[in-house]
Each structure stands twice: as structure tokens, then as C-alpha cells.
C-alpha atoms as a PDB file:
ATOM      1  CA  UNK A   1      -0.744  11.032 -12.421  1.00  0.00           C
ATOM      2  CA  UNK A   2      -3.250   8.835 -14.207  1.00  0.00           C
ATOM      3  CA  UNK A   3      -6.510   7.008 -12.986  1.00  0.00           C
ATOM      4  CA  UNK A   4      -7.305   4.028 -14.353  1.00  0.00           C
ATOM      5  CA  UNK A   5     -10.999   2.832 -14.313  1.00  0.00           C
ATOM      6  CA  UNK A   6     -12.315  -0.885 -14.910  1.00  0.00           C
ATOM      7  CA  UNK A   7     -15.220  -3.113 -14.365  1.00  0.00           C
ATOM      8  CA  UNK A   8     -18.139  -1.706 -16.356  1.00  0.00           C
ATOM      9  CA  UNK A   9     -20.444  -3.626 -18.537  1.00  0.00           C
ATOM     10  CA  UNK A  10     -23.968  -5.033 -19.392  1.00  0.00           C
ATOM     11  CA  UNK A  11     -26.073  -6.313 -16.574  1.00  0.00           C
ATOM     12  CA  UNK A  12     -29.774  -6.945 -15.946  1.00  0.00           C
ATOM     13  CA  UNK A  13     -31.856  -4.931 -13.965  1.00  0.00           C
ATOM     14  CA  UNK A  14     -31.330  -5.966 -10.511  1.00  0.00           C
ATOM     15  CA  UNK A  15     -28.064  -7.178 -10.997  1.00  0.00           C
ATOM     16  CA  UNK A  16     -24.415  -6.075  -9.492  1.00  0.00           C
ATOM     17  CA  UNK A  17     -21.355  -4.610 -10.860  1.00  0.00           C
ATOM     18  CA  UNK A  18     -18.289  -3.536  -9.169  1.00  0.00           C
ATOM     19  CA  UNK A  19     -16.213  -0.588 -10.671  1.00  0.00           C
ATOM     20  CA  UNK A  20     -12.601  -0.287  -9.674  1.00  0.00           C
ATOM     21  CA  UNK A  21     -10.375   2.608 -10.282  1.00  0.00           C
ATOM     22  CA  UNK A  22      -6.466   2.858  -9.443  1.00  0.00           C
ATOM     23  CA  UNK A  23      -4.458   6.348  -9.124  1.00  0.00           C
ATOM     24  CA  UNK A  24      -0.774   5.779 -10.292  1.00  0.00           C
ATOM     25  CA  UNK A  25       2.191   8.190 -10.605  1.00  0.00           C
ATOM     26  CA  UNK A  26       4.500  10.525  -8.306  1.00  0.00           C
ATOM     27  CA  UNK A  27       1.904  10.637  -5.633  1.00  0.00           C
ATOM     28  CA  UNK A  28       2.329  11.495  -1.905  1.00  0.00           C
ATOM     29  CA  UNK A  29      -1.404  11.554  -0.972  1.00  0.00           C
ATOM     30  CA  UNK A  30      -4.581  10.604  -2.401  1.00  0.00           C
ATOM     31  CA  UNK A  31      -7.487  12.766  -0.906  1.00  0.00           C
ATOM     32  CA  UNK A  32     -10.776  12.591  -1.859  1.00  0.00           C
ATOM     33  CA  UNK A  33     -11.868   9.875  -4.298  1.00  0.00           C
ATOM     34  CA  UNK A  34     -15.149   9.604  -6.065  1.00  0.00           C
ATOM     35  CA  UNK A  35     -16.950   8.419  -8.803  1.00  0.00           C
ATOM     36  CA  UNK A  36     -19.404  10.504 -11.518  1.00  0.00           C
ATOM     37  CA  UNK A  37     -21.541   9.330 -14.009  1.00  0.00           C
ATOM     38  CA  UNK A  38     -22.944  10.987 -17.448  1.00  0.00           C
ATOM     39  CA  UNK A  39     -25.943   9.600 -19.284  1.00  0.00           C
ATOM     40  CA  UNK A  40     -26.663   9.834 -22.615  1.00  0.00           C
ATOM     41  CA  UNK A  41     -27.987  13.475 -23.200  1.00  0.00           C
ATOM     42  CA  UNK A  42     -27.579  14.332 -19.681  1.00  0.00           C
ATOM     43  CA  UNK A  43     -25.290  16.505 -17.368  1.00  0.00           C
ATOM     44  CA  UNK A  44     -22.249  14.736 -15.399  1.00  0.00           C
ATOM     45  CA  UNK A  45     -23.662  13.978 -11.899  1.00  0.00           C
ATOM     46  CA  UNK A  46     -21.851  12.972  -8.642  1.00  0.00           C
ATOM     47  CA  UNK A  47     -22.435   9.666  -7.710  1.00  0.00           C
ATOM     48  CA  UNK A  48     -20.351   8.774  -4.361  1.00  0.00           C
ATOM     49  CA  UNK A  49     -17.372  10.306  -2.729  1.00  0.00           C
ATOM     50  CA  UNK A  50     -15.144   9.011  -0.152  1.00  0.00           C
ATOM     51  CA  UNK A  51     -12.477  10.764   1.942  1.00  0.00           C
ATOM     52  CA  UNK A  52      -8.886   9.343   2.907  1.00  0.00           C
ATOM     53  CA  UNK A  53     -10.468   8.966   6.355  1.00  0.00           C
ATOM     54  CA  UNK A  54     -13.276   6.643   5.090  1.00  0.00           C
ATOM     55  CA  UNK A  55     -16.283   9.353   5.074  1.00  0.00           C
ATOM     56  CA  UNK A  56     -18.337   8.606   2.507  1.00  0.00           C
ATOM     57  CA  UNK A  57     -21.517  10.713   0.432  1.00  0.00           C
ATOM     58  CA  UNK A  58     -23.679   9.414  -2.046  1.00  0.00           C
ATOM     59  CA  UNK A  59     -26.221  10.866  -4.171  1.00  0.00           C
ATOM     60  CA  UNK A  60     -29.664  10.183  -3.337  1.00  0.00           C
ATOM     61  CA  UNK A  61     -30.552   8.109  -6.291  1.00  0.00           C
ATOM     62  CA  UNK A  62     -28.034   5.378  -5.376  1.00  0.00           C
ATOM     63  CA  UNK A  63     -28.180   5.390  -1.423  1.00  0.00           C
ATOM     64  CA  UNK A  64     -28.533   1.873  -0.154  1.00  0.00           C
ATOM     65  CA  UNK A  65     -27.507   0.308  -3.196  1.00  0.00           C
ATOM     66  CA  UNK A  66     -24.270   1.568  -4.208  1.00  0.00           C
ATOM     67  CA  UNK A  67     -21.241   1.046  -1.817  1.00  0.00           C
ATOM     68  CA  UNK A  68     -18.007   3.252  -2.215  1.00  0.00           C
ATOM     69  CA  UNK A  69     -14.557   2.031  -0.712  1.00  0.00           C
ATOM     70  CA  UNK A  70     -11.091   2.496  -0.911  1.00  0.00           C
ATOM     71  CA  UNK A  71      -7.587   1.106  -0.454  1.00  0.00           C
ATOM     72  CA  UNK A  72      -5.527   3.905   0.749  1.00  0.00           C
ATOM     73  CA  UNK A  73      -2.388   1.760   0.539  1.00  0.00           C
ATOM     74  CA  UNK A  74      -3.090   0.954  -3.312  1.00  0.00           C
ATOM     75  CA  UNK A  75      -4.438   4.375  -3.974  1.00  0.00           C
ATOM     76  CA  UNK A  76      -7.623   2.396  -5.492  1.00  0.00           C
ATOM     77  CA  UNK A  77     -11.439   3.193  -4.995  1.00  0.00           C
ATOM     78  CA  UNK A  78     -14.034   0.906  -5.548  1.00  0.00           C
ATOM     79  CA  UNK A  79     -17.764   1.321  -6.411  1.00  0.00           C
ATOM     80  CA  UNK A  80     -20.092  -1.719  -5.649  1.00  0.00           C
ATOM     81  CA  UNK A  81     -23.221  -1.361  -7.590  1.00  0.00           C
ATOM     82  CA  UNK A  82     -26.301  -3.511  -6.535  1.00  0.00           C
ATOM     83  CA  UNK A  83     -29.894  -3.578  -7.589  1.00  0.00           C
ATOM     84  CA  UNK A  84     -29.100  -1.973 -10.664  1.00  0.00           C
ATOM     85  CA  UNK A  85     -31.719   0.041 -12.599  1.00  0.00           C
ATOM     86  CA  UNK A  86     -31.949   1.111 -16.323  1.00  0.00           C
ATOM     87  CA  UNK A  87     -31.766   4.720 -14.880  1.00  0.00           C
ATOM     88  CA  UNK A  88     -28.203   3.712 -13.492  1.00  0.00           C
ATOM     89  CA  UNK A  89     -27.033   3.418 -17.211  1.00  0.00           C
ATOM     90  CA  UNK A  90     -24.245   5.938 -17.962  1.00  0.00           C
ATOM     91  CA  UNK A  91     -20.379   6.468 -18.500  1.00  0.00           C
ATOM     92  CA  UNK A  92     -18.829   6.140 -15.006  1.00  0.00           C
ATOM     93  CA  UNK A  93     -15.739   8.329 -14.167  1.00  0.00           C
ATOM     94  CA  UNK A  94     -13.503   8.166 -11.369  1.00  0.00           C
ATOM     95  CA  UNK A  95     -12.051  11.090  -9.725  1.00  0.00           C
ATOM     96  CA  UNK A  96      -9.446  11.995  -7.168  1.00  0.00           C
ATOM     97  CA  UNK A  97      -7.843  14.889  -5.450  1.00  0.00           C
ATOM     98  CA  UNK A  98      -4.291  14.198  -5.569  1.00  0.00           C
ATOM     99  CA  UNK A  99      -1.110  15.592  -3.766  1.00  0.00           C
ATOM    100  CA  UNK A 100       1.664  14.677  -5.951  1.00  0.00           C
ATOM    101  CA  UNK A 101       4.823  16.211  -7.241  1.00  0.00           C
ATOM    102  CA  UNK A 102       2.804  18.452  -9.237  1.00  0.00           C
ATOM    103  CA  UNK A 103       1.033  19.854  -6.477  1.00  0.00           C
ATOM    104  CA  UNK A 104      -2.550  19.445  -5.353  1.00  0.00           C
ATOM    105  CA  UNK A 105      -4.929  18.704  -8.370  1.00  0.00           C
ATOM    106  CA  UNK A 106      -8.029  17.006  -9.408  1.00  0.00           C
ATOM    107  CA  UNK A 107      -7.864  14.159 -11.672  1.00  0.00           C
ATOM    108  CA  UNK A 108     -10.396  12.328 -13.817  1.00  0.00           C
ATOM    109  CA  UNK A 109     -10.251   8.621 -15.086  1.00  0.00           C
ATOM    110  CA  UNK A 110     -11.428   7.441 -18.509  1.00  0.00           C
ATOM    111  CA  UNK A 111     -15.094   6.663 -18.473  1.00  0.00           C
ATOM    112  CA  UNK A 112     -16.242   3.192 -17.949  1.00  0.00           C
ATOM    113  CA  UNK A 113     -19.559   2.280 -19.646  1.00  0.00           C
ATOM    114  CA  UNK A 114     -22.244   0.561 -17.497  1.00  0.00           C
ATOM    115  CA  UNK A 115     -25.633  -0.592 -19.441  1.00  0.00           C
ATOM    116  CA  UNK A 116     -28.635  -1.755 -17.394  1.00  0.00           C
ATOM    117  CA  UNK A 117     -30.966  -3.351 -19.883  1.00  0.00           C
ATOM    118  CA  UNK A 118     -32.977  -6.737 -20.186  1.00  0.00           C
END
């Protein structure tokens, strides 16, 4: 199973970006999907998660600005980030709990860099 993330980049404060992550491989079912981030010199933190049923959870710091969604048919998770702030600058990592031919495991994608700066 592999997770492939895309969509990071440089954006001005107040701008928007959308991150995408697709899971591929011998997948039977993708349970929880989510995003974490790690800013320079800081610990990795949870940004948002979404269950297979679409139940979402957000870090307080992004509530009202970020929206997580998923396409179960494509095993894809999206993170729409609006009203971006400099403190949102970080490497963003998608995660998924996947039931595959290897059993149930947690997987991480490669980081995609988000820089919010004027």
C-alpha cells in the first residue's frame, strides 16, 4: 500500500491551497484517513481526520478554515485549506488506516510542503 500526496506550495497569507492524497495497492477497505503536519522545530501534530462514514475531526487551530473530505471509490482524501496563516507553514503528511492483503495497518504518505508567506 502506498499513499501519494500532492498539492503543496507557496501561498500568501489569506490564500488557499488544496492537498490531495491517494491510496493505492491491494486495498480491501480504507478506514480512517487524515492529515498531520510538522513545522520546523516542532512535533508532528494532527490536523484533521475523516472516517469511512464521513465523520470529521479537526485540530482547534484549523477549525473553520480547513475542510477534509474523501472519495471512498478512489481511496482519496482531500484537505481544502482556506484563510491560510504563516503558522500553517509545515510539511503535511496524509495518513490512512488500511485493510489490505497485509492485514490492517497504518500508512503514511510522503510529506508535501506548505509555505505561507508574503
